Amino acid sequence: QAAGANVAQQAIEQAGGRFLHHAGGDDGADDV
C-alpha cells in the first residue's frame, strides 16, 4: 500500500503536478 502511494507521488511530481494526501480514516471532525 505504501509503495503504491509512493509510486503515485513520484509519478505526479515528475509530471509537474502537486501531490496532496489524505489517509481516508475516521479520525473525527478535523479529519473530515
PDB file of all heavy atoms in Angstrom:
ATOM      1  N   GLN A   1       0.838  -1.205   0.000  1.00  0.00           N
ATOM      2  CA  GLN A   1       0.000   0.000   0.000  1.00  0.00           C
ATOM      3  C   GLN A   1       0.867   1.246   0.000  1.00  0.00           C
ATOM      4  O   GLN A   1       0.623   2.184  -0.751  1.00  0.00           O
ATOM      5  CB  GLN A   1      -0.919  -0.001   1.216  1.00  0.00           C
ATOM      6  CG  GLN A   1      -1.921  -1.119   1.194  1.00  0.00           C
ATOM      7  CD  GLN A   1      -2.634  -1.250   2.518  1.00  0.00           C
ATOM      8  OE1 GLN A   1      -2.334  -0.557   3.468  1.00  0.00           O
ATOM      9  NE2 GLN A   1      -3.582  -2.161   2.570  1.00  0.00           N
ATOM     10  N   ALA A   2       1.883   1.270   0.848  1.00  0.00           N
ATOM     11  CA  ALA A   2       2.768   2.437   0.913  1.00  0.00           C
ATOM     12  C   ALA A   2       3.522   2.592  -0.392  1.00  0.00           C
ATOM     13  O   ALA A   2       3.716   3.708  -0.872  1.00  0.00           O
ATOM     14  CB  ALA A   2       3.724   2.284   2.082  1.00  0.00           C
ATOM     15  N   ALA A   3       3.921   1.466  -0.988  1.00  0.00           N
ATOM     16  CA  ALA A   3       4.637   1.536  -2.259  1.00  0.00           C
ATOM     17  C   ALA A   3       3.739   2.124  -3.337  1.00  0.00           C
ATOM     18  O   ALA A   3       4.190   2.910  -4.169  1.00  0.00           O
ATOM     19  CB  ALA A   3       5.116   0.144  -2.658  1.00  0.00           C
ATOM     20  N   GLY A   4       2.463   1.775  -3.339  1.00  0.00           N
ATOM     21  CA  GLY A   4       1.530   2.322  -4.321  1.00  0.00           C
ATOM     22  C   GLY A   4       1.414   3.826  -4.199  1.00  0.00           C
ATOM     23  O   GLY A   4       1.410   4.546  -5.189  1.00  0.00           O
ATOM     24  N   ALA A   5       1.334   4.323  -2.976  1.00  0.00           N
ATOM     25  CA  ALA A   5       1.246   5.762  -2.761  1.00  0.00           C
ATOM     26  C   ALA A   5       2.547   6.446  -3.149  1.00  0.00           C
ATOM     27  O   ALA A   5       2.537   7.536  -3.728  1.00  0.00           O
ATOM     28  CB  ALA A   5       0.899   6.059  -1.306  1.00  0.00           C
ATOM     29  N   ASN A   6       3.669   5.821  -2.838  1.00  0.00           N
ATOM     30  CA  ASN A   6       4.959   6.394  -3.219  1.00  0.00           C
ATOM     31  C   ASN A   6       5.101   6.471  -4.732  1.00  0.00           C
ATOM     32  O   ASN A   6       5.603   7.452  -5.263  1.00  0.00           O
ATOM     33  CB  ASN A   6       6.112   5.579  -2.627  1.00  0.00           C
ATOM     34  CG  ASN A   6       6.261   5.811  -1.131  1.00  0.00           C
ATOM     35  OD1 ASN A   6       5.906   6.864  -0.624  1.00  0.00           O
ATOM     36  ND2 ASN A   6       6.767   4.817  -0.439  1.00  0.00           N
ATOM     37  N   VAL A   7       4.651   5.421  -5.423  1.00  0.00           N
ATOM     38  CA  VAL A   7       4.691   5.426  -6.885  1.00  0.00           C
ATOM     39  C   VAL A   7       3.824   6.553  -7.415  1.00  0.00           C
ATOM     40  O   VAL A   7       4.219   7.290  -8.323  1.00  0.00           O
ATOM     41  CB  VAL A   7       4.218   4.060  -7.445  1.00  0.00           C
ATOM     42  CG1 VAL A   7       3.940   4.136  -8.927  1.00  0.00           C
ATOM     43  CG2 VAL A   7       5.238   2.990  -7.142  1.00  0.00           C
ATOM     44  N   ALA A   8       2.650   6.711  -6.844  1.00  0.00           N
ATOM     45  CA  ALA A   8       1.747   7.783  -7.279  1.00  0.00           C
ATOM     46  C   ALA A   8       2.393   9.143  -7.041  1.00  0.00           C
ATOM     47  O   ALA A   8       2.363  10.016  -7.916  1.00  0.00           O
ATOM     48  CB  ALA A   8       0.415   7.691  -6.538  1.00  0.00           C
ATOM     49  N   GLN A   9       2.978   9.339  -5.869  1.00  0.00           N
ATOM     50  CA  GLN A   9       3.606  10.625  -5.553  1.00  0.00           C
ATOM     51  C   GLN A   9       4.744  10.923  -6.521  1.00  0.00           C
ATOM     52  O   GLN A   9       4.855  12.030  -7.053  1.00  0.00           O
ATOM     53  CB  GLN A   9       4.112  10.645  -4.120  1.00  0.00           C
ATOM     54  CG  GLN A   9       4.739  11.976  -3.752  1.00  0.00           C
ATOM     55  CD  GLN A   9       5.175  12.034  -2.294  1.00  0.00           C
ATOM     56  OE1 GLN A   9       5.126  11.046  -1.579  1.00  0.00           O
ATOM     57  NE2 GLN A   9       5.593  13.207  -1.866  1.00  0.00           N
ATOM     58  N   GLN A  10       5.600   9.933  -6.762  1.00  0.00           N
ATOM     59  CA  GLN A  10       6.727  10.142  -7.659  1.00  0.00           C
ATOM     60  C   GLN A  10       6.254  10.455  -9.079  1.00  0.00           C
ATOM     61  O   GLN A  10       6.763  11.378  -9.723  1.00  0.00           O
ATOM     62  CB  GLN A  10       7.625   8.906  -7.673  1.00  0.00           C
ATOM     63  CG  GLN A  10       8.389   8.719  -6.388  1.00  0.00           C
ATOM     64  CD  GLN A  10       9.093   7.374  -6.330  1.00  0.00           C
ATOM     65  OE1 GLN A  10       8.994   6.572  -7.254  1.00  0.00           O
ATOM     66  NE2 GLN A  10       9.812   7.140  -5.240  1.00  0.00           N
ATOM     67  N   ALA A  11       5.266   9.720  -9.557  1.00  0.00           N
ATOM     68  CA  ALA A  11       4.770   9.941 -10.920  1.00  0.00           C
ATOM     69  C   ALA A  11       4.146  11.318 -11.059  1.00  0.00           C
ATOM     70  O   ALA A  11       4.381  12.029 -12.049  1.00  0.00           O
ATOM     71  CB  ALA A  11       3.749   8.863 -11.285  1.00  0.00           C
ATOM     72  N   ILE A  12       3.378  11.727 -10.075  1.00  0.00           N
ATOM     73  CA  ILE A  12       2.704  13.030 -10.131  1.00  0.00           C
ATOM     74  C   ILE A  12       3.726  14.158 -10.064  1.00  0.00           C
ATOM     75  O   ILE A  12       3.660  15.121 -10.831  1.00  0.00           O
ATOM     76  CB  ILE A  12       1.678  13.143  -8.988  1.00  0.00           C
ATOM     77  CG1 ILE A  12       0.507  12.213  -9.270  1.00  0.00           C
ATOM     78  CG2 ILE A  12       1.190  14.576  -8.825  1.00  0.00           C
ATOM     79  CD1 ILE A  12      -0.377  11.949  -8.075  1.00  0.00           C
ATOM     80  N   GLU A  13       4.691  14.039  -9.167  1.00  0.00           N
ATOM     81  CA  GLU A  13       5.689  15.098  -9.028  1.00  0.00           C
ATOM     82  C   GLU A  13       6.613  15.168 -10.239  1.00  0.00           C
ATOM     83  O   GLU A  13       7.004  16.242 -10.669  1.00  0.00           O
ATOM     84  CB  GLU A  13       6.468  14.917  -7.734  1.00  0.00           C
ATOM     85  CG  GLU A  13       5.611  15.242  -6.517  1.00  0.00           C
ATOM     86  CD  GLU A  13       6.280  14.947  -5.188  1.00  0.00           C
ATOM     87  OE1 GLU A  13       7.370  14.327  -5.180  1.00  0.00           O
ATOM     88  OE2 GLU A  13       5.711  15.344  -4.155  1.00  0.00           O
ATOM     89  N   GLN A  14       6.964  14.014 -10.825  1.00  0.00           N
ATOM     90  CA  GLN A  14       7.785  14.007 -12.031  1.00  0.00           C
ATOM     91  C   GLN A  14       7.049  14.642 -13.200  1.00  0.00           C
ATOM     92  O   GLN A  14       7.651  15.261 -14.065  1.00  0.00           O
ATOM     93  CB  GLN A  14       8.183  12.583 -12.411  1.00  0.00           C
ATOM     94  CG  GLN A  14       9.261  12.006 -11.548  1.00  0.00           C
ATOM     95  CD  GLN A  14       9.561  10.567 -11.925  1.00  0.00           C
ATOM     96  OE1 GLN A  14       8.901   9.979 -12.768  1.00  0.00           O
ATOM     97  NE2 GLN A  14      10.564   9.999 -11.279  1.00  0.00           N
ATOM     98  N   ALA A  15       5.730  14.494 -13.223  1.00  0.00           N
ATOM     99  CA  ALA A  15       4.923  15.055 -14.310  1.00  0.00           C
ATOM    100  C   ALA A  15       4.648  16.537 -14.103  1.00  0.00           C
ATOM    101  O   ALA A  15       3.991  17.159 -14.925  1.00  0.00           O
ATOM    102  CB  ALA A  15       3.608  14.286 -14.425  1.00  0.00           C
ATOM    103  N   GLY A  16       5.102  17.092 -12.997  1.00  0.00           N
ATOM    104  CA  GLY A  16       4.917  18.515 -12.749  1.00  0.00           C
ATOM    105  C   GLY A  16       3.654  18.836 -11.976  1.00  0.00           C
ATOM    106  O   GLY A  16       3.237  19.983 -11.917  1.00  0.00           O
ATOM    107  N   GLY A  17       3.060  17.839 -11.369  1.00  0.00           N
ATOM    108  CA  GLY A  17       1.855  18.048 -10.582  1.00  0.00           C
ATOM    109  C   GLY A  17       2.178  18.233  -9.111  1.00  0.00           C
ATOM    110  O   GLY A  17       3.311  18.029  -8.666  1.00  0.00           O
ATOM    111  N   ARG A  18       1.180  18.625  -8.354  1.00  0.00           N
ATOM    112  CA  ARG A  18       1.339  18.817  -6.910  1.00  0.00           C
ATOM    113  C   ARG A  18       0.602  17.681  -6.216  1.00  0.00           C
ATOM    114  O   ARG A  18      -0.596  17.480  -6.414  1.00  0.00           O
ATOM    115  CB  ARG A  18       0.747  20.164  -6.501  1.00  0.00           C
ATOM    116  CG  ARG A  18       1.045  20.557  -5.079  1.00  0.00           C
ATOM    117  CD  ARG A  18       0.706  22.012  -4.834  1.00  0.00           C
ATOM    118  NE  ARG A  18      -0.583  22.405  -5.376  1.00  0.00           N
ATOM    119  CZ  ARG A  18      -1.676  22.623  -4.648  1.00  0.00           C
ATOM    120  NH1 ARG A  18      -1.644  22.510  -3.348  1.00  0.00           N
ATOM    121  NH2 ARG A  18      -2.804  22.975  -5.232  1.00  0.00           N
ATOM    122  N   PHE A  19       1.318  16.924  -5.407  1.00  0.00           N
ATOM    123  CA  PHE A  19       0.770  15.757  -4.727  1.00  0.00           C
ATOM    124  C   PHE A  19       0.175  16.158  -3.380  1.00  0.00           C
ATOM    125  O   PHE A  19       0.854  16.761  -2.548  1.00  0.00           O
ATOM    126  CB  PHE A  19       1.871  14.711  -4.512  1.00  0.00           C
ATOM    127  CG  PHE A  19       1.395  13.444  -3.868  1.00  0.00           C
ATOM    128  CD1 PHE A  19       0.764  12.465  -4.607  1.00  0.00           C
ATOM    129  CD2 PHE A  19       1.592  13.216  -2.512  1.00  0.00           C
ATOM    130  CE1 PHE A  19       0.346  11.290  -4.031  1.00  0.00           C
ATOM    131  CE2 PHE A  19       1.165  12.047  -1.916  1.00  0.00           C
ATOM    132  CZ  PHE A  19       0.541  11.079  -2.682  1.00  0.00           C
ATOM    133  N   LEU A  20      -1.116  15.846  -3.184  1.00  0.00           N
ATOM    134  CA  LEU A  20      -1.789  16.056  -1.902  1.00  0.00           C
ATOM    135  C   LEU A  20      -2.171  14.688  -1.369  1.00  0.00           C
ATOM    136  O   LEU A  20      -2.437  13.766  -2.147  1.00  0.00           O
ATOM    137  CB  LEU A  20      -3.052  16.903  -2.081  1.00  0.00           C
ATOM    138  CG  LEU A  20      -2.890  18.234  -2.799  1.00  0.00           C
ATOM    139  CD1 LEU A  20      -4.248  18.849  -3.062  1.00  0.00           C
ATOM    140  CD2 LEU A  20      -2.033  19.162  -1.976  1.00  0.00           C
ATOM    141  N   HIS A  21      -2.231  14.562  -0.060  1.00  0.00           N
ATOM    142  CA  HIS A  21      -2.556  13.255   0.505  1.00  0.00           C
ATOM    143  C   HIS A  21      -3.537  13.370   1.655  1.00  0.00           C
ATOM    144  O   HIS A  21      -3.496  14.320   2.434  1.00  0.00           O
ATOM    145  CB  HIS A  21      -1.291  12.551   1.003  1.00  0.00           C
ATOM    146  CG  HIS A  21      -1.592  11.246   1.663  1.00  0.00           C
ATOM    147  ND1 HIS A  21      -1.591  11.112   3.029  1.00  0.00           N
ATOM    148  CD2 HIS A  21      -1.958  10.057   1.166  1.00  0.00           C
ATOM    149  CE1 HIS A  21      -1.930   9.861   3.326  1.00  0.00           C
ATOM    150  NE2 HIS A  21      -2.165   9.206   2.219  1.00  0.00           N
ATOM    151  N   HIS A  22      -4.412  12.375   1.743  1.00  0.00           N
ATOM    152  CA  HIS A  22      -5.299  12.233   2.900  1.00  0.00           C
ATOM    153  C   HIS A  22      -5.416  10.739   3.187  1.00  0.00           C
ATOM    154  O   HIS A  22      -5.609   9.937   2.283  1.00  0.00           O
ATOM    155  CB  HIS A  22      -6.682  12.819   2.620  1.00  0.00           C
ATOM    156  CG  HIS A  22      -7.529  12.858   3.845  1.00  0.00           C
ATOM    157  ND1 HIS A  22      -8.257  11.775   4.270  1.00  0.00           N
ATOM    158  CD2 HIS A  22      -7.737  13.841   4.753  1.00  0.00           C
ATOM    159  CE1 HIS A  22      -8.888  12.098   5.386  1.00  0.00           C
ATOM    160  NE2 HIS A  22      -8.594  13.342   5.695  1.00  0.00           N
ATOM    161  N   ALA A  23      -5.281  10.359   4.464  1.00  0.00           N
ATOM    162  CA  ALA A  23      -5.281   8.946   4.827  1.00  0.00           C
ATOM    163  C   ALA A  23      -6.628   8.274   4.607  1.00  0.00           C
ATOM    164  O   ALA A  23      -6.701   7.065   4.400  1.00  0.00           O
ATOM    165  CB  ALA A  23      -4.848   8.776   6.280  1.00  0.00           C
ATOM    166  N   GLY A  24      -7.716   9.013   4.691  1.00  0.00           N
ATOM    167  CA  GLY A  24      -9.029   8.427   4.451  1.00  0.00           C
ATOM    168  C   GLY A  24      -9.576   7.651   5.624  1.00  0.00           C
ATOM    169  O   GLY A  24     -10.389   6.759   5.453  1.00  0.00           O
ATOM    170  N   GLY A  25      -9.139   8.009   6.846  1.00  0.00           N
ATOM    171  CA  GLY A  25      -9.610   7.304   8.034  1.00  0.00           C
ATOM    172  C   GLY A  25     -10.751   8.021   8.714  1.00  0.00           C
ATOM    173  O   GLY A  25     -11.261   9.029   8.239  1.00  0.00           O
ATOM    174  N   ASP A  26     -11.170   7.487   9.846  1.00  0.00           N
ATOM    175  CA  ASP A  26     -12.231   8.081  10.662  1.00  0.00           C
ATOM    176  C   ASP A  26     -11.620   8.695  11.913  1.00  0.00           C
ATOM    177  O   ASP A  26     -11.743   8.164  13.001  1.00  0.00           O
ATOM    178  CB  ASP A  26     -13.254   7.016  11.082  1.00  0.00           C
ATOM    179  CG  ASP A  26     -14.140   6.599   9.942  1.00  0.00           C
ATOM    180  OD1 ASP A  26     -14.432   7.453   9.093  1.00  0.00           O
ATOM    181  OD2 ASP A  26     -14.547   5.425   9.905  1.00  0.00           O
ATOM    182  N   ASP A  27     -10.946   9.822  11.767  1.00  0.00           N
ATOM    183  CA  ASP A  27     -10.275  10.437  12.905  1.00  0.00           C
ATOM    184  C   ASP A  27     -11.008  11.650  13.455  1.00  0.00           C
ATOM    185  O   ASP A  27     -10.429  12.492  14.102  1.00  0.00           O
ATOM    186  CB  ASP A  27      -8.847  10.839  12.514  1.00  0.00           C
ATOM    187  CG  ASP A  27      -8.010   9.631  12.124  1.00  0.00           C
ATOM    188  OD1 ASP A  27      -8.311   8.528  12.613  1.00  0.00           O
ATOM    189  OD2 ASP A  27      -7.080   9.792  11.330  1.00  0.00           O
ATOM    190  N   GLY A  28     -12.292  11.793  13.157  1.00  0.00           N
ATOM    191  CA  GLY A  28     -13.083  12.874  13.736  1.00  0.00           C
ATOM    192  C   GLY A  28     -13.342  14.020  12.784  1.00  0.00           C
ATOM    193  O   GLY A  28     -13.096  13.947  11.587  1.00  0.00           O
ATOM    194  N   ALA A  29     -13.842  15.121  13.360  1.00  0.00           N
ATOM    195  CA  ALA A  29     -14.269  16.282  12.572  1.00  0.00           C
ATOM    196  C   ALA A  29     -13.095  16.941  11.859  1.00  0.00           C
ATOM    197  O   ALA A  29     -13.250  17.429  10.735  1.00  0.00           O
ATOM    198  CB  ALA A  29     -14.977  17.283  13.469  1.00  0.00           C
ATOM    199  N   ASP A  30     -11.919  16.987  12.499  1.00  0.00           N
ATOM    200  CA  ASP A  30     -10.751  17.600  11.858  1.00  0.00           C
ATOM    201  C   ASP A  30     -10.377  16.835  10.593  1.00  0.00           C
ATOM    202  O   ASP A  30     -10.006  17.424   9.580  1.00  0.00           O
ATOM    203  CB  ASP A  30      -9.552  17.620  12.818  1.00  0.00           C
ATOM    204  CG  ASP A  30      -9.773  18.566  13.991  1.00  0.00           C
ATOM    205  OD1 ASP A  30     -10.625  19.470  13.866  1.00  0.00           O
ATOM    206  OD2 ASP A  30      -9.089  18.391  15.015  1.00  0.00           O
ATOM    207  N   ASP A  31     -10.487  15.514  10.659  1.00  0.00           N
ATOM    208  CA  ASP A  31     -10.164  14.669   9.523  1.00  0.00           C
ATOM    209  C   ASP A  31     -11.143  14.921   8.377  1.00  0.00           C
ATOM    210  O   ASP A  31     -10.745  15.008   7.222  1.00  0.00           O
ATOM    211  CB  ASP A  31     -10.187  13.206   9.951  1.00  0.00           C
ATOM    212  CG  ASP A  31      -9.572  12.306   8.910  1.00  0.00           C
ATOM    213  OD1 ASP A  31      -8.434  12.571   8.501  1.00  0.00           O
ATOM    214  OD2 ASP A  31     -10.253  11.345   8.493  1.00  0.00           O
ATOM    215  N   VAL A  32     -12.428  15.042   8.694  1.00  0.00           N
ATOM    216  CA  VAL A  32     -13.452  15.301   7.680  1.00  0.00           C
ATOM    217  C   VAL A  32     -13.210  16.659   7.034  1.00  0.00           C
ATOM    218  O   VAL A  32     -13.289  16.811   5.810  1.00  0.00           O
ATOM    219  CB  VAL A  32     -14.866  15.217   8.297  1.00  0.00           C
ATOM    220  CG1 VAL A  32     -15.916  15.717   7.330  1.00  0.00           C
ATOM    221  CG2 VAL A  32     -15.170  13.795   8.729  1.00  0.00           C
TER     222      VAL A  32
END
